[in-house]
Amino acid sequence: MKVTPLSIPDVLLIEPHVFEDSRGCFFESFRDDLFRKETSLKVSFVQDNHVSSRRGVLRGLHYQLPPHAQGKLVRVIQGEVLDIALDIRRSSPTFGKHVINILSAKNKKQIWIPEGFAHGFLTLSRNSEFLYKVTSLYKADFERSILWNDPILNISWPANIDIITSPRDSKSEAFSKAYIFEDL
């Protein structure tokens, strides 16, 4: 496994070692001891989630409030997505900044997104299957969302895709009114 800090250093790009031959490929998508060793993180995952989306579906920018804030390890097993992690930790030097990555079944890359970030993704392919592990159980009363197209965030979404959101995501809070993590 290769771990690379991104432009927001707490967000990590994780690339598994893939063994390929004429039959196909094999790789360990997650191995706790290697994850801990290579990332220096001491997290426990308590829930796995699986999301299926069609082209143009945008989910996010979601997060959960403390004490149920979630760290996420995300990956794609079918198709391709544009993945966004937005830093909402007020004391962070990258507060209000975001990182964008392409995750796909082909590139097998994963992203570690720590607590204190809002997260979202846009399906670029015909369909996508998106998997993610979380460090805290889902709690509906603690879930929040930041408006995906808030002009303050200046996220470069592809112009050639008609974006589809849920009614809930289309009514998300503006970044200026969102809950901000004060002490992470």
C-alpha atoms as a PDB file:
ATOM      1  CA  MET A   1       0.000   0.000   0.000  1.00  0.00           C
ATOM      2  CA  LYS A   2       1.230   3.462  -0.903  1.00  0.00           C
ATOM      3  CA  VAL A   3      -0.030   6.419   1.144  1.00  0.00           C
ATOM      4  CA  THR A   4       0.294   9.994  -0.139  1.00  0.00           C
ATOM      5  CA  PRO A   5      -0.875  13.124   1.700  1.00  0.00           C
ATOM      6  CA  LEU A   6      -2.876  15.404  -0.608  1.00  0.00           C
ATOM      7  CA  SER A   7      -2.881  19.219  -0.783  1.00  0.00           C
ATOM      8  CA  ILE A   8      -4.778  19.096   2.517  1.00  0.00           C
ATOM      9  CA  PRO A   9      -2.277  16.846   4.324  1.00  0.00           C
ATOM     10  CA  ASP A  10      -4.820  15.158   6.636  1.00  0.00           C
ATOM     11  CA  VAL A  11      -6.611  13.773   3.573  1.00  0.00           C
ATOM     12  CA  LEU A  12      -4.701  10.744   2.311  1.00  0.00           C
ATOM     13  CA  LEU A  13      -4.603   9.030  -1.066  1.00  0.00           C
ATOM     14  CA  ILE A  14      -4.206   5.276  -0.598  1.00  0.00           C
ATOM     15  CA  GLU A  15      -3.109   3.072  -3.483  1.00  0.00           C
ATOM     16  CA  PRO A  16      -3.154  -0.684  -2.929  1.00  0.00           C
ATOM     17  CA  HIS A  17      -0.521  -3.008  -4.297  1.00  0.00           C
ATOM     18  CA  VAL A  18      -2.324  -4.784  -7.155  1.00  0.00           C
ATOM     19  CA  PHE A  19      -1.238  -8.206  -8.376  1.00  0.00           C
ATOM     20  CA  GLU A  20      -2.280  -8.722 -12.005  1.00  0.00           C
ATOM     21  CA  ASP A  21      -1.945 -11.630 -14.385  1.00  0.00           C
ATOM     22  CA  SER A  22      -3.846 -13.162 -17.301  1.00  0.00           C
ATOM     23  CA  ARG A  23      -6.724 -14.157 -14.989  1.00  0.00           C
ATOM     24  CA  GLY A  24      -7.338 -10.657 -13.628  1.00  0.00           C
ATOM     25  CA  CYS A  25      -6.114  -9.091 -10.416  1.00  0.00           C
ATOM     26  CA  PHE A  26      -5.952  -9.409  -6.644  1.00  0.00           C
ATOM     27  CA  PHE A  27      -5.413  -6.743  -3.998  1.00  0.00           C
ATOM     28  CA  GLU A  28      -6.139  -6.208  -0.331  1.00  0.00           C
ATOM     29  CA  SER A  29      -8.707  -3.417  -0.270  1.00  0.00           C
ATOM     30  CA  PHE A  30      -8.268  -3.004   3.481  1.00  0.00           C
ATOM     31  CA  ARG A  31      -5.938  -4.526   6.023  1.00  0.00           C
ATOM     32  CA  ASP A  32      -6.047  -3.003   9.495  1.00  0.00           C
ATOM     33  CA  ASP A  33      -2.410  -3.575  10.494  1.00  0.00           C
ATOM     34  CA  LEU A  34      -1.031  -2.079   7.249  1.00  0.00           C
ATOM     35  CA  PHE A  35      -3.500   0.810   7.321  1.00  0.00           C
ATOM     36  CA  ARG A  36      -2.413   1.712  10.861  1.00  0.00           C
ATOM     37  CA  LYS A  37       1.287   1.311  10.070  1.00  0.00           C
ATOM     38  CA  GLU A  38       1.272   3.290   6.812  1.00  0.00           C
ATOM     39  CA  THR A  39      -1.065   6.091   7.960  1.00  0.00           C
ATOM     40  CA  SER A  40      -0.134   6.292  11.676  1.00  0.00           C
ATOM     41  CA  LEU A  41      -3.889   6.488  12.329  1.00  0.00           C
ATOM     42  CA  LYS A  42      -5.487   4.659  15.206  1.00  0.00           C
ATOM     43  CA  VAL A  43      -9.075   4.502  13.999  1.00  0.00           C
ATOM     44  CA  SER A  44     -11.684   1.788  14.214  1.00  0.00           C
ATOM     45  CA  PHE A  45     -14.260   1.320  11.509  1.00  0.00           C
ATOM     46  CA  VAL A  46     -17.755   0.500  12.774  1.00  0.00           C
ATOM     47  CA  GLN A  47     -19.899   0.526   9.631  1.00  0.00           C
ATOM     48  CA  ASP A  48     -19.503  -0.140   5.898  1.00  0.00           C
ATOM     49  CA  ASN A  49     -21.778   1.661   3.421  1.00  0.00           C
ATOM     50  CA  HIS A  50     -22.493   0.922  -0.242  1.00  0.00           C
ATOM     51  CA  VAL A  51     -23.992   3.526  -2.594  1.00  0.00           C
ATOM     52  CA  SER A  52     -25.153   2.956  -6.157  1.00  0.00           C
ATOM     53  CA  SER A  53     -25.626   6.004  -8.404  1.00  0.00           C
ATOM     54  CA  ARG A  54     -26.171   6.811 -12.052  1.00  0.00           C
ATOM     55  CA  ARG A  55     -24.321   9.415 -14.119  1.00  0.00           C
ATOM     56  CA  GLY A  56     -24.820  12.938 -12.845  1.00  0.00           C
ATOM     57  CA  VAL A  57     -25.917  11.995  -9.329  1.00  0.00           C
ATOM     58  CA  LEU A  58     -24.208  14.243  -6.806  1.00  0.00           C
ATOM     59  CA  ARG A  59     -24.297  13.204  -3.158  1.00  0.00           C
ATOM     60  CA  GLY A  60     -23.097  15.641  -0.535  1.00  0.00           C
ATOM     61  CA  LEU A  61     -21.491  17.577   0.900  1.00  0.00           C
ATOM     62  CA  HIS A  62     -22.323  15.512   4.008  1.00  0.00           C
ATOM     63  CA  TYR A  63     -20.904  15.271   7.518  1.00  0.00           C
ATOM     64  CA  GLN A  64     -21.998  14.365  11.042  1.00  0.00           C
ATOM     65  CA  LEU A  65     -21.790  16.525  14.147  1.00  0.00           C
ATOM     66  CA  PRO A  66     -19.811  15.571  17.250  1.00  0.00           C
ATOM     67  CA  PRO A  67     -19.921  13.348  19.183  1.00  0.00           C
ATOM     68  CA  HIS A  68     -20.799  11.257  16.104  1.00  0.00           C
ATOM     69  CA  ALA A  69     -18.409  12.871  13.610  1.00  0.00           C
ATOM     70  CA  GLN A  70     -17.169  10.368  11.048  1.00  0.00           C
ATOM     71  CA  GLY A  71     -13.822   9.630   9.491  1.00  0.00           C
ATOM     72  CA  LYS A  72     -14.304   7.896   6.122  1.00  0.00           C
ATOM     73  CA  LEU A  73     -12.266   5.556   3.959  1.00  0.00           C
ATOM     74  CA  VAL A  74     -13.842   5.761   0.490  1.00  0.00           C
ATOM     75  CA  ARG A  75     -13.417   3.831  -2.769  1.00  0.00           C
ATOM     76  CA  VAL A  76     -15.214   2.927  -5.998  1.00  0.00           C
ATOM     77  CA  ILE A  77     -15.746  -0.659  -7.174  1.00  0.00           C
ATOM     78  CA  GLN A  78     -17.687   0.136 -10.366  1.00  0.00           C
ATOM     79  CA  GLY A  79     -17.498   3.189 -12.578  1.00  0.00           C
ATOM     80  CA  GLU A  80     -15.898   6.531 -11.820  1.00  0.00           C
ATOM     81  CA  VAL A  81     -16.635   9.445  -9.481  1.00  0.00           C
ATOM     82  CA  LEU A  82     -15.331  12.910  -8.757  1.00  0.00           C
ATOM     83  CA  ASP A  83     -14.706  12.872  -5.007  1.00  0.00           C
ATOM     84  CA  ILE A  84     -14.624  16.021  -2.838  1.00  0.00           C
ATOM     85  CA  ALA A  85     -13.371  16.494   0.734  1.00  0.00           C
ATOM     86  CA  LEU A  86     -14.000  19.948   2.257  1.00  0.00           C
ATOM     87  CA  ASP A  87     -12.134  21.058   5.392  1.00  0.00           C
ATOM     88  CA  ILE A  88     -14.600  22.517   7.925  1.00  0.00           C
ATOM     89  CA  ARG A  89     -12.181  22.719  10.886  1.00  0.00           C
ATOM     90  CA  ARG A  90     -11.964  26.399  11.818  1.00  0.00           C
ATOM     91  CA  SER A  91      -8.466  26.135  13.351  1.00  0.00           C
ATOM     92  CA  SER A  92      -7.056  24.356  10.291  1.00  0.00           C
ATOM     93  CA  PRO A  93      -4.767  26.267   7.905  1.00  0.00           C
ATOM     94  CA  THR A  94      -6.816  24.711   5.075  1.00  0.00           C
ATOM     95  CA  PHE A  95     -10.233  25.715   6.511  1.00  0.00           C
ATOM     96  CA  GLY A  96     -12.749  26.150   3.672  1.00  0.00           C
ATOM     97  CA  LYS A  97     -10.454  24.492   1.134  1.00  0.00           C
ATOM     98  CA  HIS A  98     -11.214  21.256  -0.671  1.00  0.00           C
ATOM     99  CA  VAL A  99      -9.463  18.456  -2.499  1.00  0.00           C
ATOM    100  CA  ILE A 100     -10.798  16.788  -5.623  1.00  0.00           C
ATOM    101  CA  ASN A 101      -9.873  13.296  -6.769  1.00  0.00           C
ATOM    102  CA  ILE A 102     -11.047  10.866  -9.403  1.00  0.00           C
ATOM    103  CA  LEU A 103     -11.821   7.476  -7.871  1.00  0.00           C
ATOM    104  CA  SER A 104     -12.633   4.556 -10.127  1.00  0.00           C
ATOM    105  CA  ALA A 105     -12.865   0.796 -10.284  1.00  0.00           C
ATOM    106  CA  LYS A 106      -9.961   0.960 -12.718  1.00  0.00           C
ATOM    107  CA  ASN A 107      -7.517   3.002 -10.596  1.00  0.00           C
ATOM    108  CA  LYS A 108      -8.541   1.291  -7.296  1.00  0.00           C
ATOM    109  CA  LYS A 109      -7.503   4.386  -5.316  1.00  0.00           C
ATOM    110  CA  GLN A 110      -8.978   5.120  -1.905  1.00  0.00           C
ATOM    111  CA  ILE A 111      -9.212   8.357   0.059  1.00  0.00           C
ATOM    112  CA  TRP A 112      -9.028   8.733   3.832  1.00  0.00           C
ATOM    113  CA  ILE A 113     -11.175  11.679   4.961  1.00  0.00           C
ATOM    114  CA  PRO A 114     -10.849  12.501   8.672  1.00  0.00           C
ATOM    115  CA  GLU A 115     -13.439  13.911  11.049  1.00  0.00           C
ATOM    116  CA  GLY A 116     -14.003  17.615  10.491  1.00  0.00           C
ATOM    117  CA  PHE A 117     -14.558  17.320   6.753  1.00  0.00           C
ATOM    118  CA  ALA A 118     -17.676  17.459   4.607  1.00  0.00           C
ATOM    119  CA  HIS A 119     -17.673  14.900   1.813  1.00  0.00           C
ATOM    120  CA  GLY A 120     -19.428  14.441  -1.491  1.00  0.00           C
ATOM    121  CA  PHE A 121     -19.088  12.795  -4.859  1.00  0.00           C
ATOM    122  CA  LEU A 122     -20.426  13.077  -8.402  1.00  0.00           C
ATOM    123  CA  THR A 123     -20.855  10.007 -10.614  1.00  0.00           C
ATOM    124  CA  LEU A 124     -19.014  10.575 -13.904  1.00  0.00           C
ATOM    125  CA  SER A 125     -19.654   7.166 -15.503  1.00  0.00           C
ATOM    126  CA  ARG A 126     -22.945   5.589 -16.542  1.00  0.00           C
ATOM    127  CA  ASN A 127     -23.214   3.996 -13.079  1.00  0.00           C
ATOM    128  CA  SER A 128     -21.047   3.831  -9.987  1.00  0.00           C
ATOM    129  CA  GLU A 129     -20.782   1.638  -6.926  1.00  0.00           C
ATOM    130  CA  PHE A 130     -19.210   3.582  -4.069  1.00  0.00           C
ATOM    131  CA  LEU A 131     -18.075   1.933  -0.825  1.00  0.00           C
ATOM    132  CA  TYR A 132     -17.001   3.600   2.371  1.00  0.00           C
ATOM    133  CA  LYS A 133     -16.037   2.646   5.885  1.00  0.00           C
ATOM    134  CA  VAL A 134     -16.863   5.031   8.742  1.00  0.00           C
ATOM    135  CA  THR A 135     -15.535   5.509  12.252  1.00  0.00           C
ATOM    136  CA  SER A 136     -18.887   6.366  13.853  1.00  0.00           C
ATOM    137  CA  LEU A 137     -22.345   4.929  13.285  1.00  0.00           C
ATOM    138  CA  TYR A 138     -24.835   6.852  11.168  1.00  0.00           C
ATOM    139  CA  LYS A 139     -27.039   9.089  13.322  1.00  0.00           C
ATOM    140  CA  ALA A 140     -29.733  10.928  11.336  1.00  0.00           C
ATOM    141  CA  ASP A 141     -30.169  13.628  13.997  1.00  0.00           C
ATOM    142  CA  PHE A 142     -26.470  14.519  13.729  1.00  0.00           C
ATOM    143  CA  GLU A 143     -26.220  14.532   9.936  1.00  0.00           C
ATOM    144  CA  ARG A 144     -25.686  17.854   8.162  1.00  0.00           C
ATOM    145  CA  SER A 145     -25.016  18.970   4.606  1.00  0.00           C
ATOM    146  CA  ILE A 146     -23.362  21.952   2.945  1.00  0.00           C
ATOM    147  CA  LEU A 147     -24.684  23.211  -0.374  1.00  0.00           C
ATOM    148  CA  TRP A 148     -22.606  21.563  -3.102  1.00  0.00           C
ATOM    149  CA  ASN A 149     -22.580  24.621  -5.384  1.00  0.00           C
ATOM    150  CA  ASP A 150     -22.044  27.352  -2.793  1.00  0.00           C
ATOM    151  CA  PRO A 151     -20.064  30.050  -4.662  1.00  0.00           C
ATOM    152  CA  ILE A 152     -17.824  30.663  -1.632  1.00  0.00           C
ATOM    153  CA  LEU A 153     -16.413  27.137  -2.009  1.00  0.00           C
ATOM    154  CA  ASN A 154     -15.513  27.583  -5.686  1.00  0.00           C
ATOM    155  CA  ILE A 155     -15.662  23.836  -6.429  1.00  0.00           C
ATOM    156  CA  SER A 156     -15.048  23.097 -10.113  1.00  0.00           C
ATOM    157  CA  TRP A 157     -17.829  20.664 -10.993  1.00  0.00           C
ATOM    158  CA  PRO A 158     -17.786  19.377 -14.592  1.00  0.00           C
ATOM    159  CA  ALA A 159     -19.843  21.626 -16.869  1.00  0.00           C
ATOM    160  CA  ASN A 160     -20.737  18.788 -19.259  1.00  0.00           C
ATOM    161  CA  ILE A 161     -22.824  16.814 -16.730  1.00  0.00           C
ATOM    162  CA  ASP A 162     -26.413  17.535 -15.744  1.00  0.00           C
ATOM    163  CA  ILE A 163     -26.251  17.292 -11.956  1.00  0.00           C
ATOM    164  CA  ILE A 164     -28.967  15.426 -10.068  1.00  0.00           C
ATOM    165  CA  THR A 165     -29.325  15.891  -6.301  1.00  0.00           C
ATOM    166  CA  SER A 166     -31.797  14.710  -3.708  1.00  0.00           C
ATOM    167  CA  PRO A 167     -34.386  17.223  -2.467  1.00  0.00           C
ATOM    168  CA  ARG A 168     -32.537  17.247   0.868  1.00  0.00           C
ATOM    169  CA  ASP A 169     -29.148  17.996  -0.720  1.00  0.00           C
ATOM    170  CA  SER A 170     -30.618  20.768  -2.869  1.00  0.00           C
ATOM    171  CA  LYS A 171     -31.725  22.498   0.374  1.00  0.00           C
ATOM    172  CA  SER A 172     -28.408  22.154   2.213  1.00  0.00           C
ATOM    173  CA  GLU A 173     -26.984  25.006   4.249  1.00  0.00           C
ATOM    174  CA  ALA A 174     -24.707  27.619   2.774  1.00  0.00           C
ATOM    175  CA  PHE A 175     -21.107  27.244   3.891  1.00  0.00           C
ATOM    176  CA  SER A 176     -21.347  30.522   5.842  1.00  0.00           C
ATOM    177  CA  LYS A 177     -24.199  29.083   7.948  1.00  0.00           C
ATOM    178  CA  ALA A 178     -22.912  25.527   8.347  1.00  0.00           C
ATOM    179  CA  TYR A 179     -21.724  24.005  11.599  1.00  0.00           C
ATOM    180  CA  ILE A 180     -17.951  24.371  11.832  1.00  0.00           C
ATOM    181  CA  PHE A 181     -15.721  22.051  13.860  1.00  0.00           C
ATOM    182  CA  GLU A 182     -14.082  24.249  16.493  1.00  0.00           C
ATOM    183  CA  ASP A 183     -11.801  21.884  18.366  1.00  0.00           C
ATOM    184  CA  LEU A 184     -10.513  19.189  16.007  1.00  0.00           C
END
